[in-house]
Amino acid sequence: MHVDLKYSFLNSQHRELGAKMVPFGGWEMPLSYPGGTVAEHMACRSDAVVFDVSHLGTVSISGPEAFGLLQRSFTNDLNKISPGRAQYTHHLAPDGSVVDDIIVWWVGPERFDVMPNASNTASVISSIGGSDVTQSRSVLAIQGPNARARLAGVFPEAAAVGHFRVAELKFGGVDVVVAGTGYTGEDGVEISIPNPGANELFRQLIAAGITPAGLGARDTLRLEAGLPLHGHELGKGITPFQARLGWVVAMNKGEFIGREALLAELASGPRRLLVGVRGFSRQPMREGMRLIHKGRDIGFSSSGNFSPVLGVGISLCFADGDLAAGEPVSLQLDKRVIEGVSCALPFVPKASRAATEK
């Protein structure tokens, strides 16, 4: 079936830089640039990279009813934060499954930018309404231990936005929104900029020595950081508690979609839990492999790859019950067997944390 792809406003710049373009979530986005995924990954762990994440949705919702609507629709409690902050939350189905994981940017007293995953923007709008402004803006994620230092030479006000803070700023006379968020396990910010200013910002970031990076590195980075990916660690049949993300669920805030199902799960206990598995060899682990412990099939891998930092295969797996760290396990698919050990997450700790975080 033919699917019409959407294109980032920065598509031509990616092509000029030699990016390998691939379809992802209904968009054509860069997978990697000529230096390769591993080089981009290591640049993020040691210096700074920039990702075009314009495929992520932005649903703008405002007015006196916006706060209450988001409280009833999502799992986390906005009373924990205030205007000028961001919050990670989940959008659930009535059965408690995670329809999407979302970042809410609380931009102003009655203005919120809800940031769903690329393929879920329509489902979020059907639930909360709002205006889909995704294709009128670009979003650039600058990440890494030196992200703020390099960004300061281009856009110092953005570099000063703290961890999970949100600020309305101007770049070259254009109104932008900046949040201290990201998806790599490293420090950094994400900048939402109207398309007319996006090309110039992207050019200046690269001129400042920030390495362009694609979806390949974004995936290996989030995997090393133990961060979930929708469709893998989150999705149909998977609840926040199974993914060990119960901290994003405010059971005592009042009613929200999926709350009754989560109450029932809390009473019985999650039937499976997310665990990390670290291999002993460079052989990459893959999604869909069976998790074996003491000769028993106890689960499956939801994501897996090679860790450039650790130099071994790693995987996120769902295991029946709670598998303690340090247990010998193997991942198996057909005749392929990869030996490893269960481990705590993240696989790789954050390289740095900016002084602006509080």
Protein backbone atom coordinates (compact mmCIF):
# COMPACT_ATOMS: atom_id res chain seq x y z
CA MET A 1 0.00 0.00 0.00
CA HIS A 2 1.38 3.40 -0.98
CA VAL A 3 1.80 5.84 1.89
CA ASP A 4 2.38 9.55 1.27
CA LEU A 5 5.34 10.60 3.39
CA LYS A 6 5.64 13.93 5.15
CA TYR A 7 8.90 15.83 4.85
CA SER A 8 10.79 17.85 7.41
CA PHE A 9 11.34 21.47 6.42
CA LEU A 10 15.07 20.65 6.74
CA ASN A 11 14.91 17.76 4.27
CA SER A 12 17.03 19.48 1.62
CA GLN A 13 19.75 20.30 4.16
CA HIS A 14 19.90 16.68 5.26
CA ARG A 15 20.33 15.61 1.65
CA GLU A 16 23.05 18.22 1.05
CA LEU A 17 24.90 16.76 4.06
CA GLY A 18 24.70 13.29 2.49
CA ALA A 19 22.17 11.83 4.91
CA LYS A 20 20.64 8.43 4.25
CA MET A 21 16.89 9.12 4.30
CA VAL A 22 14.34 6.53 5.46
CA PRO A 23 10.59 6.44 6.19
CA PHE A 24 9.76 6.65 9.90
CA GLY A 25 6.36 7.23 11.50
CA GLY A 26 4.95 8.54 8.22
CA TRP A 27 7.87 10.92 7.65
CA GLU A 28 11.08 10.77 5.63
CA MET A 29 13.87 11.39 8.12
CA PRO A 30 17.68 10.99 8.23
CA LEU A 31 18.88 7.59 9.44
CA SER A 32 22.56 8.60 9.46
CA TYR A 33 25.08 10.89 7.82
CA PRO A 34 28.29 9.84 5.99
CA GLY A 35 30.27 9.45 9.22
CA GLY A 36 27.95 6.65 10.33
CA THR A 37 25.72 5.83 13.27
CA VAL A 38 28.50 4.77 15.66
CA ALA A 39 30.42 8.03 15.13
CA GLU A 40 27.24 10.03 15.71
CA HIS A 41 26.49 8.01 18.84
CA MET A 42 29.94 8.58 20.29
CA ALA A 43 29.80 12.29 19.44
CA CYS A 44 26.67 12.56 21.59
CA ARG A 45 28.31 10.73 24.49
CA SER A 46 31.51 12.81 24.34
CA ASP A 47 30.62 16.16 22.77
CA ALA A 48 27.40 17.42 21.12
CA VAL A 49 25.01 16.43 18.32
CA VAL A 50 21.88 17.86 16.75
CA PHE A 51 18.88 15.76 15.73
CA ASP A 52 16.05 16.95 13.51
CA VAL A 53 13.03 15.63 15.44
CA SER A 54 10.42 17.58 13.49
CA HIS A 55 8.51 14.33 12.94
CA LEU A 56 7.39 14.48 16.57
CA GLY A 57 3.97 16.03 16.91
CA THR A 58 3.09 19.37 18.45
CA VAL A 59 -0.52 19.81 19.53
CA SER A 60 -1.13 23.28 20.91
CA ILE A 61 -3.94 23.56 23.43
CA SER A 62 -4.86 26.70 25.32
CA GLY A 63 -7.60 28.36 27.32
CA PRO A 64 -9.08 28.05 30.81
CA GLU A 65 -10.19 24.44 30.24
CA ALA A 66 -6.80 23.17 29.00
CA PHE A 67 -5.34 22.24 32.40
CA GLY A 68 -8.34 20.15 33.47
CA LEU A 69 -8.57 18.44 30.10
CA LEU A 70 -4.93 17.31 30.22
CA GLN A 71 -5.34 16.18 33.83
CA ARG A 72 -8.23 13.91 32.84
CA SER A 73 -6.54 12.64 29.66
CA PHE A 74 -2.99 11.81 30.81
CA THR A 75 -1.46 9.92 33.74
CA ASN A 76 0.88 12.39 35.39
CA ASP A 77 -0.20 15.24 37.65
CA LEU A 78 0.34 18.75 36.28
CA ASN A 79 -0.01 20.06 39.83
CA LYS A 80 3.56 18.80 40.35
CA ILE A 81 4.85 21.46 37.96
CA SER A 82 3.95 25.00 36.86
CA PRO A 83 4.17 27.25 33.78
CA GLY A 84 7.69 27.25 32.39
CA ARG A 85 8.24 23.54 33.00
CA ALA A 86 7.87 20.28 31.07
CA GLN A 87 6.49 16.93 32.19
CA TYR A 88 6.75 13.36 30.92
CA THR A 89 3.37 11.59 30.92
CA HIS A 90 1.39 8.75 29.34
CA HIS A 91 -1.79 8.65 27.26
CA LEU A 92 -3.56 5.38 28.06
CA ALA A 93 -6.27 3.24 26.54
CA PRO A 94 -9.13 2.22 28.86
CA ASP A 95 -7.40 -1.15 29.44
CA GLY A 96 -4.31 0.62 30.84
CA SER A 97 -2.16 0.10 27.74
CA VAL A 98 0.13 2.99 26.81
CA VAL A 99 -1.27 4.56 23.65
CA ASP A 100 1.64 7.01 23.66
CA ASP A 101 4.28 8.55 25.87
CA ILE A 102 4.23 12.31 25.70
CA ILE A 103 6.11 15.38 26.85
CA VAL A 104 3.89 18.30 27.87
CA TRP A 105 5.52 21.73 27.58
CA TRP A 106 3.65 24.14 29.88
CA VAL A 107 4.47 27.27 27.92
CA GLY A 108 2.20 29.86 29.57
CA PRO A 109 -0.51 29.99 32.27
CA GLU A 110 -3.17 28.65 29.89
CA ARG A 111 -1.01 27.38 27.02
CA PHE A 112 0.41 23.88 26.58
CA ASP A 113 2.35 22.26 23.75
CA VAL A 114 1.67 18.52 23.83
CA MET A 115 4.43 16.53 22.10
CA PRO A 116 3.30 13.02 20.99
CA ASN A 117 5.23 10.51 18.91
CA ALA A 118 5.05 10.94 15.14
CA SER A 119 2.43 8.29 14.39
CA ASN A 120 0.20 9.18 17.35
CA THR A 121 -0.55 12.86 16.75
CA ALA A 122 -4.00 12.12 15.31
CA SER A 123 -5.01 9.92 18.27
CA VAL A 124 -3.96 12.63 20.73
CA ILE A 125 -5.99 15.25 18.87
CA SER A 126 -9.02 12.95 18.86
CA SER A 127 -8.68 12.68 22.63
CA ILE A 128 -7.87 16.25 23.68
CA GLY A 129 -8.58 18.42 20.62
CA GLY A 130 -6.23 21.35 20.16
CA SER A 131 -4.42 22.59 17.08
CA ASP A 132 -1.94 20.45 15.15
CA VAL A 133 0.94 22.83 14.40
CA THR A 134 3.46 20.09 13.59
CA GLN A 135 4.14 21.04 9.98
CA SER A 136 4.48 24.77 10.64
CA ARG A 137 7.55 24.39 12.85
CA SER A 138 10.79 22.42 13.09
CA VAL A 139 12.19 20.86 16.26
CA LEU A 140 15.94 20.50 16.79
CA ALA A 141 17.35 18.48 19.70
CA ILE A 142 20.87 19.48 20.76
CA GLN A 143 22.27 16.78 23.03
CA GLY A 144 25.53 15.79 24.70
CA PRO A 145 27.87 16.82 27.55
CA ASN A 146 29.06 19.83 25.54
CA ALA A 147 25.64 20.65 24.04
CA ARG A 148 25.06 23.77 26.12
CA ALA A 149 28.60 25.08 25.73
CA ARG A 150 28.46 24.80 21.93
CA LEU A 151 24.87 26.09 21.75
CA ALA A 152 25.87 29.12 23.84
CA GLY A 153 27.92 30.42 20.92
CA VAL A 154 24.83 30.35 18.69
CA PHE A 155 21.86 30.93 20.97
CA PRO A 156 22.99 31.65 24.57
CA GLU A 157 19.46 32.16 25.92
CA ALA A 158 18.48 28.65 24.77
CA ALA A 159 21.62 27.16 26.30
CA ALA A 160 20.56 28.56 29.67
CA VAL A 161 17.16 26.80 29.74
CA GLY A 162 17.37 24.27 32.56
CA HIS A 163 16.52 20.57 32.67
CA PHE A 164 12.78 20.13 32.03
CA ARG A 165 12.33 23.91 32.00
CA VAL A 166 10.46 25.69 29.15
CA ALA A 167 11.07 29.22 27.84
CA GLU A 168 9.68 31.44 25.09
CA LEU A 169 12.62 33.15 23.38
CA LYS A 170 13.59 34.84 20.12
CA PHE A 171 16.16 33.70 17.57
CA GLY A 172 16.91 36.11 14.76
CA GLY A 173 13.66 37.94 15.50
CA VAL A 174 11.62 34.70 15.31
CA ASP A 175 9.58 33.51 18.32
CA VAL A 176 10.74 30.06 19.50
CA VAL A 177 9.99 27.71 22.38
CA VAL A 178 12.89 25.92 24.07
CA ALA A 179 12.65 23.00 26.52
CA GLY A 180 15.42 21.29 28.48
CA THR A 181 14.36 17.86 27.27
CA GLY A 182 15.76 15.12 25.04
CA TYR A 183 15.93 11.39 24.38
CA THR A 184 19.56 10.33 24.62
CA GLY A 185 20.37 10.05 28.31
CA GLU A 186 22.56 13.15 27.95
CA ASP A 187 21.94 16.78 28.80
CA GLY A 188 20.63 19.25 26.24
CA VAL A 189 17.63 21.15 24.92
CA GLU A 190 15.00 20.92 22.21
CA ILE A 191 14.15 24.01 20.17
CA SER A 192 10.79 24.43 18.43
CA ILE A 193 11.22 27.09 15.77
CA PRO A 194 8.83 28.28 13.02
CA ASN A 195 9.98 26.88 9.67
CA PRO A 196 11.16 30.23 8.24
CA GLY A 197 13.94 30.34 10.86
CA ALA A 198 14.83 26.64 10.92
CA ASN A 199 17.39 26.46 8.11
CA GLU A 200 19.50 29.29 9.54
CA LEU A 201 19.47 27.82 13.05
CA PHE A 202 20.44 24.37 11.74
CA ARG A 203 23.30 25.86 9.70
CA GLN A 204 24.64 27.80 12.66
CA LEU A 205 24.50 24.78 14.96
CA ILE A 206 26.59 22.72 12.54
CA ALA A 207 29.01 25.62 12.03
CA ALA A 208 29.46 25.68 15.82
CA GLY A 209 30.85 22.14 15.68
CA ILE A 210 27.67 20.29 16.64
CA THR A 211 27.52 16.97 14.75
CA PRO A 212 24.30 16.18 12.83
CA ALA A 213 22.90 12.80 13.92
CA GLY A 214 20.10 10.58 12.65
CA LEU A 215 17.54 8.06 13.82
CA GLY A 216 20.11 5.25 14.04
CA ALA A 217 22.12 6.99 16.74
CA ARG A 218 18.98 8.23 18.45
CA ASP A 219 17.88 4.62 18.90
CA THR A 220 21.18 3.25 20.18
CA LEU A 221 21.55 6.22 22.54
CA ARG A 222 18.09 5.80 24.05
CA LEU A 223 18.69 2.05 24.37
CA GLU A 224 21.93 2.56 26.31
CA ALA A 225 20.04 5.01 28.53
CA GLY A 226 17.27 2.43 29.13
CA LEU A 227 14.62 4.75 27.69
CA PRO A 228 11.43 3.21 26.25
CA LEU A 229 10.41 3.43 22.60
CA HIS A 230 6.74 3.43 21.64
CA GLY A 231 5.88 0.22 19.81
CA HIS A 232 8.58 -1.65 21.72
CA GLU A 233 8.58 -1.00 25.49
CA LEU A 234 5.27 0.86 25.34
CA GLY A 235 2.16 0.00 23.33
CA LYS A 236 -0.84 -2.28 23.14
CA GLY A 237 -1.02 -4.59 26.14
CA ILE A 238 1.85 -2.85 27.95
CA THR A 239 1.05 -0.75 31.00
CA PRO A 240 3.26 1.87 32.69
CA PHE A 241 3.82 -0.47 35.64
CA GLN A 242 5.06 -3.29 33.40
CA ALA A 243 7.53 -0.84 31.83
CA ARG A 244 8.68 0.24 35.33
CA LEU A 245 7.32 3.73 34.69
CA GLY A 246 4.86 3.87 37.55
CA TRP A 247 6.38 7.19 38.59
CA VAL A 248 4.53 8.88 35.70
CA VAL A 249 1.17 7.70 37.03
CA ALA A 250 -0.53 9.87 39.68
CA MET A 251 -3.14 7.45 41.00
CA ASN A 252 -4.35 9.90 43.66
CA LYS A 253 -4.99 12.93 41.40
CA GLY A 254 -8.51 11.88 40.38
CA GLU A 255 -9.97 10.19 37.34
CA PHE A 256 -8.02 9.77 34.11
CA ILE A 257 -8.30 7.41 31.15
CA GLY A 258 -7.15 3.90 32.14
CA ARG A 259 -7.11 4.49 35.90
CA GLU A 260 -9.54 1.67 36.78
CA ALA A 261 -7.46 -0.86 34.83
CA LEU A 262 -4.29 0.28 36.59
CA LEU A 263 -5.97 -0.04 39.99
CA ALA A 264 -6.80 -3.66 39.16
CA GLU A 265 -3.22 -4.30 38.04
CA LEU A 266 -1.84 -2.80 41.24
CA ALA A 267 -4.06 -5.14 43.24
CA SER A 268 -2.84 -8.26 41.43
CA GLY A 269 0.70 -7.12 40.58
CA PRO A 270 2.12 -6.67 37.04
CA ARG A 271 2.37 -9.98 35.20
CA ARG A 272 5.69 -8.98 33.63
CA LEU A 273 8.40 -6.37 34.17
CA LEU A 274 11.02 -4.67 32.01
CA VAL A 275 14.63 -5.72 32.63
CA GLY A 276 17.99 -5.01 31.05
CA VAL A 277 20.21 -7.73 29.58
CA ARG A 278 23.89 -7.18 28.82
CA GLY A 279 25.71 -9.66 26.59
CA PHE A 280 29.25 -11.00 26.85
CA SER A 281 30.10 -10.53 23.17
CA ARG A 282 29.81 -7.92 20.44
CA GLN A 283 26.93 -9.83 18.86
CA PRO A 284 23.95 -7.41 18.74
CA MET A 285 20.78 -8.46 20.49
CA ARG A 286 17.54 -7.99 18.56
CA GLU A 287 13.86 -7.46 19.18
CA GLY A 288 11.76 -10.61 19.39
CA MET A 289 14.36 -12.96 20.88
CA ARG A 290 13.24 -15.29 23.68
CA LEU A 291 14.59 -14.61 27.17
CA ILE A 292 15.82 -17.81 28.84
CA HIS A 293 16.65 -18.17 32.54
CA LYS A 294 17.63 -21.47 34.15
CA GLY A 295 16.37 -23.34 31.09
CA ARG A 296 12.95 -21.69 31.17
CA ASP A 297 11.42 -19.32 28.66
CA ILE A 298 10.50 -16.33 30.82
CA GLY A 299 9.93 -13.53 28.31
CA PHE A 300 11.15 -11.74 25.20
CA SER A 301 13.32 -8.86 24.04
CA SER A 302 11.45 -5.68 23.12
CA SER A 303 14.54 -3.82 21.82
CA GLY A 304 18.14 -4.80 21.23
CA ASN A 305 21.31 -3.68 19.51
CA PHE A 306 25.06 -3.28 19.89
CA SER A 307 26.20 -0.77 22.51
CA PRO A 308 28.97 1.43 21.06
CA VAL A 309 30.04 2.54 24.56
CA LEU A 310 30.06 -0.89 26.22
CA GLY A 311 31.22 -2.83 23.16
CA VAL A 312 28.68 -5.62 23.73
CA GLY A 313 25.11 -6.45 22.78
CA ILE A 314 22.36 -5.07 25.03
CA SER A 315 18.62 -5.55 25.19
CA LEU A 316 15.48 -4.41 26.97
CA CYS A 317 13.29 -7.42 27.78
CA PHE A 318 9.97 -8.17 29.40
CA ALA A 319 10.32 -10.95 31.96
CA ASP A 320 7.64 -12.89 33.79
CA GLY A 321 7.89 -11.63 37.37
CA ASP A 322 10.84 -9.71 38.77
CA LEU A 323 14.25 -10.90 37.52
CA ALA A 324 17.00 -9.75 39.87
CA ALA A 325 20.12 -8.08 38.47
CA GLY A 326 23.12 -10.34 38.01
CA GLU A 327 21.24 -13.45 36.90
CA PRO A 328 22.76 -15.44 34.01
CA VAL A 329 20.37 -15.41 31.05
CA SER A 330 20.42 -15.95 27.31
CA LEU A 331 18.54 -14.56 24.35
CA GLN A 332 17.57 -17.08 21.72
CA LEU A 333 16.08 -16.96 18.22
CA ASP A 334 15.98 -20.11 16.11
CA LYS A 335 19.49 -21.60 16.54
CA ARG A 336 21.13 -18.33 17.59
CA VAL A 337 22.00 -18.06 21.29
CA ILE A 338 23.51 -14.98 22.95
CA GLU A 339 24.69 -15.40 26.54
CA GLY A 340 24.40 -12.54 28.97
CA VAL A 341 23.40 -11.31 32.40
CA SER A 342 20.42 -9.35 33.70
CA CYS A 343 21.31 -5.84 34.82
CA ALA A 344 19.93 -2.63 36.23
CA LEU A 345 19.11 0.29 33.97
CA PRO A 346 20.47 2.48 32.49
CA PHE A 347 23.17 0.46 30.75
CA VAL A 348 25.27 3.63 30.38
CA PRO A 349 25.04 6.51 32.92
CA LYS A 350 24.73 10.11 31.86
CA ALA A 351 28.07 11.67 30.94
CA SER A 352 27.18 15.04 32.42
CA ARG A 353 24.45 17.15 33.89
CA ALA A 354 24.33 20.90 33.37
CA ALA A 355 24.61 23.22 36.33
CA THR A 356 21.28 24.75 35.30
CA GLU A 357 19.40 21.63 36.43
CA LYS A 358 17.65 21.97 39.76
